[in-house]
Amino acid sequence: MVEKVYPMTLEGKAKLEEELEMLKTVKRKEIVERIKIARSFGDLSENSEYESAKDEQAFTEGRITTLENMIRFSEIIDNQNADTDEVCLGRTVTFIELPAGDEEEYTIVGSAEADPLTGKISNDSPIAKALIGRRLNDEVTIATPGGDMNVKITKVS
């Protein structure tokens, strides 16, 4: 079976490792303590505190497994051989929407570290797929769920 590769920046990998360490050292202990306290309440069949703690424990263990896999199969983005005006993983791209002129800026990262609220979009997103491989001043049509969007790349850094 071929495992999925998770492209990411060094910074992104460090954040995942930090989250993993926190879950293993802090969160697990907190949950075990909650379970102990809930058990002391008696009958577990009708103990909502116990059920809640067990649910949180299952979620946390699942997240730990996911993070371990993402870190194990991470591939650090190396775009140093790419042209400086080419859009690729790890680069920040600025474009203007045509014809309105609205400017947008995104950093293209792997799915493991994507966070659209901070301007980091996954390389699997429609916008990133359309922009990767394009160059400064290229006009690109991006197929999005809301319809096609025409843009012009104004900056790659």
N, C-alpha and C. Protein backbone atom coordinates (compact mmCIF):
# COMPACT_ATOMS: atom_id res chain seq x y z
N MET A 1 0.84 -1.18 0.00
CA MET A 1 0.00 0.00 0.00
C MET A 1 0.88 1.25 0.00
N VAL A 2 0.61 2.19 -0.89
CA VAL A 2 1.37 3.42 -0.99
C VAL A 2 0.75 4.44 -0.05
N GLU A 3 1.57 5.01 0.81
CA GLU A 3 1.09 6.02 1.75
C GLU A 3 1.04 7.39 1.07
N LYS A 4 0.12 8.22 1.49
CA LYS A 4 0.01 9.57 0.96
C LYS A 4 1.21 10.39 1.46
N VAL A 5 1.76 11.19 0.58
CA VAL A 5 2.85 12.10 0.95
C VAL A 5 2.22 13.44 1.29
N TYR A 6 2.71 14.07 2.34
CA TYR A 6 2.19 15.35 2.79
C TYR A 6 3.24 16.43 2.57
N PRO A 7 3.12 17.19 1.46
CA PRO A 7 4.08 18.28 1.25
C PRO A 7 3.84 19.38 2.27
N MET A 8 4.93 19.92 2.82
CA MET A 8 4.80 21.00 3.81
C MET A 8 6.11 21.76 3.94
N THR A 9 6.01 22.93 4.53
CA THR A 9 7.19 23.73 4.81
C THR A 9 7.81 23.24 6.12
N LEU A 10 9.04 23.65 6.37
CA LEU A 10 9.67 23.31 7.65
C LEU A 10 8.86 23.88 8.81
N GLU A 11 8.36 25.09 8.63
CA GLU A 11 7.54 25.74 9.66
C GLU A 11 6.26 24.93 9.93
N GLY A 12 5.63 24.46 8.86
CA GLY A 12 4.42 23.67 9.00
C GLY A 12 4.68 22.36 9.73
N LYS A 13 5.79 21.71 9.41
CA LYS A 13 6.14 20.46 10.08
C LYS A 13 6.40 20.70 11.56
N ALA A 14 7.09 21.80 11.86
CA ALA A 14 7.37 22.14 13.25
C ALA A 14 6.09 22.37 14.04
N LYS A 15 5.09 23.02 13.42
CA LYS A 15 3.80 23.25 14.09
C LYS A 15 3.08 21.93 14.38
N LEU A 16 3.13 21.01 13.41
CA LEU A 16 2.50 19.70 13.62
C LEU A 16 3.20 18.95 14.74
N GLU A 17 4.53 19.00 14.77
CA GLU A 17 5.29 18.33 15.83
C GLU A 17 4.98 18.92 17.19
N GLU A 18 4.81 20.24 17.23
CA GLU A 18 4.45 20.93 18.48
C GLU A 18 3.07 20.50 18.96
N GLU A 19 2.11 20.45 18.03
CA GLU A 19 0.76 20.02 18.39
C GLU A 19 0.77 18.58 18.89
N LEU A 20 1.51 17.71 18.20
CA LEU A 20 1.61 16.31 18.59
C LEU A 20 2.17 16.18 20.00
N GLU A 21 3.23 16.91 20.28
CA GLU A 21 3.86 16.86 21.61
C GLU A 21 2.89 17.32 22.68
N MET A 22 2.12 18.39 22.41
CA MET A 22 1.14 18.89 23.38
C MET A 22 0.05 17.86 23.63
N LEU A 23 -0.43 17.23 22.57
CA LEU A 23 -1.48 16.23 22.73
C LEU A 23 -0.98 15.04 23.56
N LYS A 24 0.24 14.61 23.30
CA LYS A 24 0.78 13.44 24.00
C LYS A 24 1.12 13.73 25.46
N THR A 25 1.66 14.92 25.72
CA THR A 25 2.14 15.19 27.08
C THR A 25 1.14 15.91 27.97
N VAL A 26 0.31 16.76 27.40
CA VAL A 26 -0.61 17.55 28.21
C VAL A 26 -2.05 17.04 28.10
N LYS A 27 -2.55 16.98 26.88
CA LYS A 27 -3.96 16.65 26.66
C LYS A 27 -4.31 15.25 27.16
N ARG A 28 -3.45 14.28 26.86
CA ARG A 28 -3.72 12.90 27.33
C ARG A 28 -3.87 12.86 28.84
N LYS A 29 -2.98 13.53 29.55
CA LYS A 29 -3.03 13.53 31.02
C LYS A 29 -4.31 14.18 31.53
N GLU A 30 -4.71 15.28 30.89
CA GLU A 30 -5.95 15.96 31.29
C GLU A 30 -7.15 15.03 31.12
N ILE A 31 -7.19 14.32 30.01
CA ILE A 31 -8.32 13.44 29.73
C ILE A 31 -8.34 12.26 30.70
N VAL A 32 -7.19 11.68 30.99
CA VAL A 32 -7.12 10.58 31.95
C VAL A 32 -7.63 11.04 33.31
N GLU A 33 -7.28 12.25 33.69
CA GLU A 33 -7.74 12.79 34.97
C GLU A 33 -9.26 12.99 34.95
N ARG A 34 -9.80 13.48 33.86
CA ARG A 34 -11.26 13.65 33.73
C ARG A 34 -11.97 12.31 33.83
N ILE A 35 -11.40 11.28 33.22
CA ILE A 35 -12.00 9.94 33.27
C ILE A 35 -11.99 9.42 34.70
N LYS A 36 -10.88 9.62 35.42
CA LYS A 36 -10.80 9.18 36.82
C LYS A 36 -11.87 9.85 37.67
N ILE A 37 -12.02 11.15 37.49
CA ILE A 37 -13.01 11.90 38.26
C ILE A 37 -14.42 11.42 37.92
N ALA A 38 -14.68 11.23 36.62
CA ALA A 38 -16.02 10.78 36.19
C ALA A 38 -16.33 9.39 36.73
N ARG A 39 -15.33 8.51 36.78
CA ARG A 39 -15.54 7.16 37.32
C ARG A 39 -15.94 7.20 38.79
N SER A 40 -15.41 8.19 39.49
CA SER A 40 -15.70 8.29 40.93
C SER A 40 -17.16 8.65 41.19
N PHE A 41 -17.88 9.11 40.17
CA PHE A 41 -19.29 9.46 40.33
C PHE A 41 -20.19 8.24 40.39
N GLY A 42 -19.64 7.07 40.10
CA GLY A 42 -20.44 5.84 40.21
C GLY A 42 -20.85 5.26 38.88
N ASP A 43 -22.12 4.90 38.76
CA ASP A 43 -22.69 4.21 37.60
C ASP A 43 -22.25 4.83 36.28
N LEU A 44 -21.47 4.09 35.50
CA LEU A 44 -20.93 4.61 34.24
C LEU A 44 -21.95 4.61 33.10
N SER A 45 -23.01 3.80 33.23
CA SER A 45 -23.98 3.68 32.15
C SER A 45 -24.77 4.98 31.93
N GLU A 46 -24.91 5.79 32.96
CA GLU A 46 -25.65 7.05 32.83
C GLU A 46 -24.79 8.24 33.23
N ASN A 47 -23.49 8.13 33.00
CA ASN A 47 -22.56 9.16 33.43
C ASN A 47 -22.09 9.96 32.21
N SER A 48 -22.70 11.12 32.02
CA SER A 48 -22.39 11.93 30.83
C SER A 48 -20.97 12.48 30.87
N GLU A 49 -20.46 12.77 32.06
CA GLU A 49 -19.08 13.25 32.17
C GLU A 49 -18.10 12.18 31.68
N TYR A 50 -18.37 10.92 32.04
CA TYR A 50 -17.53 9.81 31.62
C TYR A 50 -17.59 9.64 30.10
N GLU A 51 -18.81 9.66 29.55
CA GLU A 51 -18.98 9.51 28.10
C GLU A 51 -18.27 10.64 27.35
N SER A 52 -18.41 11.85 27.85
CA SER A 52 -17.78 13.00 27.21
C SER A 52 -16.25 12.86 27.22
N ALA A 53 -15.70 12.45 28.34
CA ALA A 53 -14.25 12.28 28.45
C ALA A 53 -13.77 11.16 27.54
N LYS A 54 -14.52 10.07 27.45
CA LYS A 54 -14.14 8.96 26.57
C LYS A 54 -14.20 9.38 25.11
N ASP A 55 -15.22 10.17 24.75
CA ASP A 55 -15.32 10.68 23.38
C ASP A 55 -14.12 11.58 23.05
N GLU A 56 -13.78 12.46 23.99
CA GLU A 56 -12.63 13.34 23.78
C GLU A 56 -11.33 12.53 23.68
N GLN A 57 -11.24 11.48 24.47
CA GLN A 57 -10.05 10.62 24.42
C GLN A 57 -9.94 9.95 23.03
N ALA A 58 -11.04 9.47 22.51
CA ALA A 58 -11.03 8.83 21.19
C ALA A 58 -10.64 9.84 20.11
N PHE A 59 -11.19 11.04 20.18
CA PHE A 59 -10.86 12.08 19.21
C PHE A 59 -9.37 12.43 19.28
N THR A 60 -8.86 12.59 20.50
CA THR A 60 -7.46 12.96 20.70
C THR A 60 -6.53 11.87 20.19
N GLU A 61 -6.84 10.63 20.47
CA GLU A 61 -6.00 9.52 19.99
C GLU A 61 -6.03 9.45 18.46
N GLY A 62 -7.17 9.74 17.87
CA GLY A 62 -7.27 9.78 16.41
C GLY A 62 -6.42 10.90 15.82
N ARG A 63 -6.46 12.04 16.48
CA ARG A 63 -5.65 13.19 16.02
C ARG A 63 -4.16 12.87 16.15
N ILE A 64 -3.78 12.22 17.24
CA ILE A 64 -2.37 11.84 17.43
C ILE A 64 -1.92 10.92 16.30
N THR A 65 -2.73 9.93 15.97
CA THR A 65 -2.40 9.01 14.88
C THR A 65 -2.27 9.75 13.55
N THR A 66 -3.21 10.66 13.29
CA THR A 66 -3.16 11.44 12.06
C THR A 66 -1.90 12.28 11.98
N LEU A 67 -1.57 12.97 13.07
CA LEU A 67 -0.37 13.81 13.09
C LEU A 67 0.89 12.98 12.91
N GLU A 68 0.95 11.83 13.57
CA GLU A 68 2.13 10.96 13.43
C GLU A 68 2.31 10.53 11.97
N ASN A 69 1.22 10.18 11.30
CA ASN A 69 1.30 9.80 9.89
C ASN A 69 1.72 10.98 9.01
N MET A 70 1.15 12.14 9.27
CA MET A 70 1.50 13.31 8.48
C MET A 70 2.98 13.66 8.63
N ILE A 71 3.48 13.56 9.83
CA ILE A 71 4.90 13.85 10.07
C ILE A 71 5.78 12.78 9.46
N ARG A 72 5.41 11.52 9.63
CA ARG A 72 6.19 10.41 9.10
C ARG A 72 6.31 10.48 7.59
N PHE A 73 5.21 10.85 6.92
CA PHE A 73 5.19 10.87 5.46
C PHE A 73 5.26 12.30 4.91
N SER A 74 5.85 13.21 5.69
CA SER A 74 5.99 14.59 5.23
C SER A 74 7.09 14.69 4.19
N GLU A 75 6.91 15.63 3.32
CA GLU A 75 7.93 15.92 2.30
C GLU A 75 8.13 17.43 2.35
N ILE A 76 9.33 17.84 2.76
CA ILE A 76 9.61 19.26 2.89
C ILE A 76 9.68 19.89 1.50
N ILE A 77 8.98 20.98 1.33
CA ILE A 77 8.94 21.69 0.06
C ILE A 77 10.29 22.32 -0.21
N ASP A 78 10.84 22.03 -1.38
CA ASP A 78 12.11 22.62 -1.80
C ASP A 78 11.89 23.22 -3.18
N ASN A 79 11.70 24.53 -3.20
CA ASN A 79 11.45 25.19 -4.48
C ASN A 79 12.60 26.09 -4.89
N GLN A 80 13.79 25.82 -4.35
CA GLN A 80 14.94 26.67 -4.65
C GLN A 80 15.38 26.56 -6.11
N ASN A 81 15.08 25.44 -6.77
CA ASN A 81 15.46 25.28 -8.16
C ASN A 81 14.43 25.87 -9.13
N ALA A 82 13.29 26.28 -8.61
CA ALA A 82 12.25 26.87 -9.46
C ALA A 82 12.60 28.33 -9.74
N ASP A 83 12.15 28.82 -10.88
CA ASP A 83 12.36 30.24 -11.21
C ASP A 83 11.67 31.10 -10.17
N THR A 84 12.25 32.27 -9.90
CA THR A 84 11.71 33.14 -8.85
C THR A 84 10.36 33.73 -9.22
N ASP A 85 10.01 33.72 -10.53
CA ASP A 85 8.72 34.27 -10.92
C ASP A 85 7.68 33.19 -11.19
N GLU A 86 7.99 31.94 -10.80
CA GLU A 86 7.07 30.82 -11.02
C GLU A 86 6.30 30.51 -9.74
N VAL A 87 5.01 30.30 -9.88
CA VAL A 87 4.16 29.94 -8.75
C VAL A 87 4.37 28.45 -8.45
N CYS A 88 4.73 28.14 -7.22
CA CYS A 88 4.90 26.75 -6.82
C CYS A 88 4.65 26.63 -5.31
N LEU A 89 4.66 25.40 -4.84
CA LEU A 89 4.43 25.13 -3.43
C LEU A 89 5.42 25.91 -2.57
N GLY A 90 4.91 26.54 -1.52
CA GLY A 90 5.76 27.29 -0.60
C GLY A 90 5.89 28.76 -0.96
N ARG A 91 5.40 29.15 -2.10
CA ARG A 91 5.51 30.54 -2.53
C ARG A 91 4.22 31.30 -2.22
N THR A 92 4.38 32.61 -2.08
CA THR A 92 3.23 33.49 -1.90
C THR A 92 2.95 34.15 -3.24
N VAL A 93 1.70 34.11 -3.64
CA VAL A 93 1.31 34.68 -4.93
C VAL A 93 0.24 35.75 -4.70
N THR A 94 0.43 36.88 -5.38
CA THR A 94 -0.54 37.96 -5.34
C THR A 94 -1.12 38.11 -6.73
N PHE A 95 -2.44 38.26 -6.79
CA PHE A 95 -3.08 38.45 -8.09
C PHE A 95 -4.23 39.43 -7.95
N ILE A 96 -4.60 39.98 -9.11
CA ILE A 96 -5.77 40.85 -9.12
C ILE A 96 -6.84 40.16 -9.93
N GLU A 97 -8.04 40.30 -9.44
CA GLU A 97 -9.19 39.71 -10.12
C GLU A 97 -9.58 40.62 -11.28
N LEU A 98 -9.77 40.02 -12.43
CA LEU A 98 -10.13 40.80 -13.62
C LEU A 98 -11.64 40.72 -13.84
N PRO A 99 -12.30 41.71 -14.22
CA PRO A 99 -11.83 43.07 -14.48
C PRO A 99 -11.93 43.99 -13.26
N ALA A 100 -12.47 43.49 -12.14
CA ALA A 100 -12.74 44.34 -10.97
C ALA A 100 -11.48 44.94 -10.35
N GLY A 101 -10.38 44.21 -10.37
CA GLY A 101 -9.15 44.73 -9.80
C GLY A 101 -8.96 44.43 -8.33
N ASP A 102 -9.81 43.56 -7.74
CA ASP A 102 -9.65 43.20 -6.34
C ASP A 102 -8.37 42.38 -6.19
N GLU A 103 -7.51 42.76 -5.23
CA GLU A 103 -6.24 42.07 -5.03
C GLU A 103 -6.37 41.01 -3.93
N GLU A 104 -5.78 39.85 -4.20
CA GLU A 104 -5.76 38.77 -3.21
C GLU A 104 -4.36 38.22 -3.13
N GLU A 105 -4.00 37.70 -1.93
CA GLU A 105 -2.67 37.12 -1.74
C GLU A 105 -2.80 35.82 -0.96
N TYR A 106 -2.14 34.78 -1.46
CA TYR A 106 -2.17 33.47 -0.81
C TYR A 106 -0.79 32.85 -0.83
N THR A 107 -0.51 32.10 0.21
CA THR A 107 0.67 31.25 0.23
C THR A 107 0.19 29.84 -0.05
N ILE A 108 0.84 29.19 -1.01
CA ILE A 108 0.42 27.84 -1.39
C ILE A 108 1.23 26.84 -0.58
N VAL A 109 0.52 26.05 0.21
CA VAL A 109 1.15 25.07 1.10
C VAL A 109 0.49 23.71 0.89
N GLY A 110 1.06 22.69 1.53
CA GLY A 110 0.44 21.37 1.48
C GLY A 110 -0.84 21.36 2.30
N SER A 111 -1.67 20.36 2.07
CA SER A 111 -2.96 20.29 2.75
C SER A 111 -2.82 20.20 4.26
N ALA A 112 -1.70 19.68 4.74
CA ALA A 112 -1.50 19.51 6.18
C ALA A 112 -1.41 20.84 6.93
N GLU A 113 -0.97 21.88 6.26
CA GLU A 113 -0.82 23.16 6.95
C GLU A 113 -1.70 24.27 6.38
N ALA A 114 -2.65 23.91 5.54
CA ALA A 114 -3.54 24.90 4.95
C ALA A 114 -4.39 25.57 6.03
N ASP A 115 -4.54 26.87 5.90
CA ASP A 115 -5.36 27.66 6.82
C ASP A 115 -5.85 28.90 6.05
N PRO A 116 -6.96 28.75 5.33
CA PRO A 116 -7.44 29.85 4.48
C PRO A 116 -7.65 31.17 5.22
N LEU A 117 -7.97 31.12 6.51
CA LEU A 117 -8.20 32.35 7.26
C LEU A 117 -6.93 33.17 7.42
N THR A 118 -5.76 32.51 7.32
CA THR A 118 -4.48 33.24 7.41
C THR A 118 -3.81 33.35 6.04
N GLY A 119 -4.54 33.02 4.98
CA GLY A 119 -4.00 33.17 3.64
C GLY A 119 -3.17 32.01 3.15
N LYS A 120 -3.22 30.88 3.84
CA LYS A 120 -2.49 29.69 3.41
C LYS A 120 -3.48 28.71 2.80
N ILE A 121 -3.34 28.48 1.47
CA ILE A 121 -4.27 27.59 0.80
C ILE A 121 -3.57 26.31 0.38
N SER A 122 -4.34 25.24 0.37
CA SER A 122 -3.83 23.92 0.02
C SER A 122 -3.49 23.85 -1.46
N ASN A 123 -2.44 23.10 -1.76
CA ASN A 123 -2.07 22.87 -3.16
C ASN A 123 -3.15 22.08 -3.89
N ASP A 124 -4.09 21.49 -3.15
CA ASP A 124 -5.19 20.75 -3.75
C ASP A 124 -6.40 21.63 -4.04
N SER A 125 -6.37 22.89 -3.61
CA SER A 125 -7.51 23.79 -3.83
C SER A 125 -7.59 24.21 -5.29
N PRO A 126 -8.79 24.56 -5.76
CA PRO A 126 -8.94 24.99 -7.16
C PRO A 126 -8.04 26.17 -7.52
N ILE A 127 -7.92 27.13 -6.61
CA ILE A 127 -7.09 28.30 -6.89
C ILE A 127 -5.63 27.90 -7.06
N ALA A 128 -5.11 27.12 -6.11
CA ALA A 128 -3.70 26.71 -6.18
C ALA A 128 -3.44 25.84 -7.41
N LYS A 129 -4.33 24.91 -7.70
CA LYS A 129 -4.14 24.05 -8.87
C LYS A 129 -4.03 24.87 -10.16
N ALA A 130 -4.83 25.92 -10.25
CA ALA A 130 -4.80 26.75 -11.45
C ALA A 130 -3.55 27.62 -11.52
N LEU A 131 -3.02 28.01 -10.37
CA LEU A 131 -1.87 28.93 -10.35
C LEU A 131 -0.51 28.24 -10.41
N ILE A 132 -0.40 27.02 -9.86
CA ILE A 132 0.89 26.33 -9.82
C ILE A 132 1.42 26.14 -11.24
N GLY A 133 2.67 26.53 -11.42
CA GLY A 133 3.32 26.41 -12.72
C GLY A 133 3.19 27.67 -13.57
N ARG A 134 2.33 28.58 -13.17
CA ARG A 134 2.17 29.84 -13.90
C ARG A 134 3.25 30.82 -13.45
N ARG A 135 3.34 31.92 -14.17
CA ARG A 135 4.41 32.89 -13.91
C ARG A 135 3.85 34.30 -13.69
N LEU A 136 4.72 35.17 -13.22
CA LEU A 136 4.40 36.57 -13.02
C LEU A 136 3.82 37.16 -14.31
N ASN A 137 2.77 37.92 -14.17
CA ASN A 137 2.04 38.60 -15.26
C ASN A 137 1.17 37.67 -16.10
N ASP A 138 1.12 36.37 -15.80
CA ASP A 138 0.22 35.47 -16.52
C ASP A 138 -1.23 35.79 -16.14
N GLU A 139 -2.12 35.67 -17.12
CA GLU A 139 -3.55 35.75 -16.84
C GLU A 139 -4.07 34.32 -16.80
N VAL A 140 -4.83 34.02 -15.75
CA VAL A 140 -5.27 32.65 -15.49
C VAL A 140 -6.78 32.64 -15.24
N THR A 141 -7.44 31.61 -15.77
CA THR A 141 -8.85 31.39 -15.45
C THR A 141 -8.91 30.29 -14.41
N ILE A 142 -9.52 30.61 -13.27
CA ILE A 142 -9.63 29.66 -12.16
C ILE A 142 -11.07 29.18 -12.08
N ALA A 143 -11.25 27.87 -12.20
CA ALA A 143 -12.58 27.29 -12.06
C ALA A 143 -12.86 27.07 -10.57
N THR A 144 -13.82 27.81 -10.04
CA THR A 144 -14.18 27.66 -8.63
C THR A 144 -15.64 27.20 -8.54
N PRO A 145 -16.05 26.70 -7.38
CA PRO A 145 -17.45 26.28 -7.23
C PRO A 145 -18.44 27.41 -7.53
N GLY A 146 -18.01 28.65 -7.32
CA GLY A 146 -18.89 29.79 -7.56
C GLY A 146 -18.83 30.30 -8.99
N GLY A 147 -18.06 29.64 -9.85
CA GLY A 147 -17.93 30.07 -11.24
C GLY A 147 -16.49 30.43 -11.56
N ASP A 148 -16.22 30.62 -12.83
CA ASP A 148 -14.86 30.95 -13.27
C ASP A 148 -14.46 32.34 -12.79
N MET A 149 -13.17 32.46 -12.46
CA MET A 149 -12.62 33.72 -12.01
C MET A 149 -11.36 33.98 -12.84
N ASN A 150 -11.28 35.12 -13.46
CA ASN A 150 -10.11 35.49 -14.25
C ASN A 150 -9.21 36.39 -13.41
N VAL A 151 -7.91 36.04 -13.36
CA VAL A 151 -6.97 36.79 -12.54
C VAL A 151 -5.68 37.04 -13.32
N LYS A 152 -4.94 38.04 -12.83
CA LYS A 152 -3.61 38.30 -13.37
C LYS A 152 -2.63 38.27 -12.20
N ILE A 153 -1.57 37.47 -12.34
CA ILE A 153 -0.57 37.31 -11.28
C ILE A 153 0.32 38.56 -11.28
N THR A 154 0.36 39.26 -10.12
CA THR A 154 1.11 40.52 -10.03
C THR A 154 2.39 40.39 -9.21
N LYS A 155 2.49 39.32 -8.40
CA LYS A 155 3.69 39.18 -7.57
C LYS A 155 3.83 37.72 -7.15
N VAL A 156 5.08 37.22 -7.16
CA VAL A 156 5.40 35.89 -6.68
C VAL A 156 6.59 36.03 -5.75
N SER A 157 6.45 35.61 -4.52
CA SER A 157 7.56 35.74 -3.56
C SER A 157 7.69 34.50 -2.69
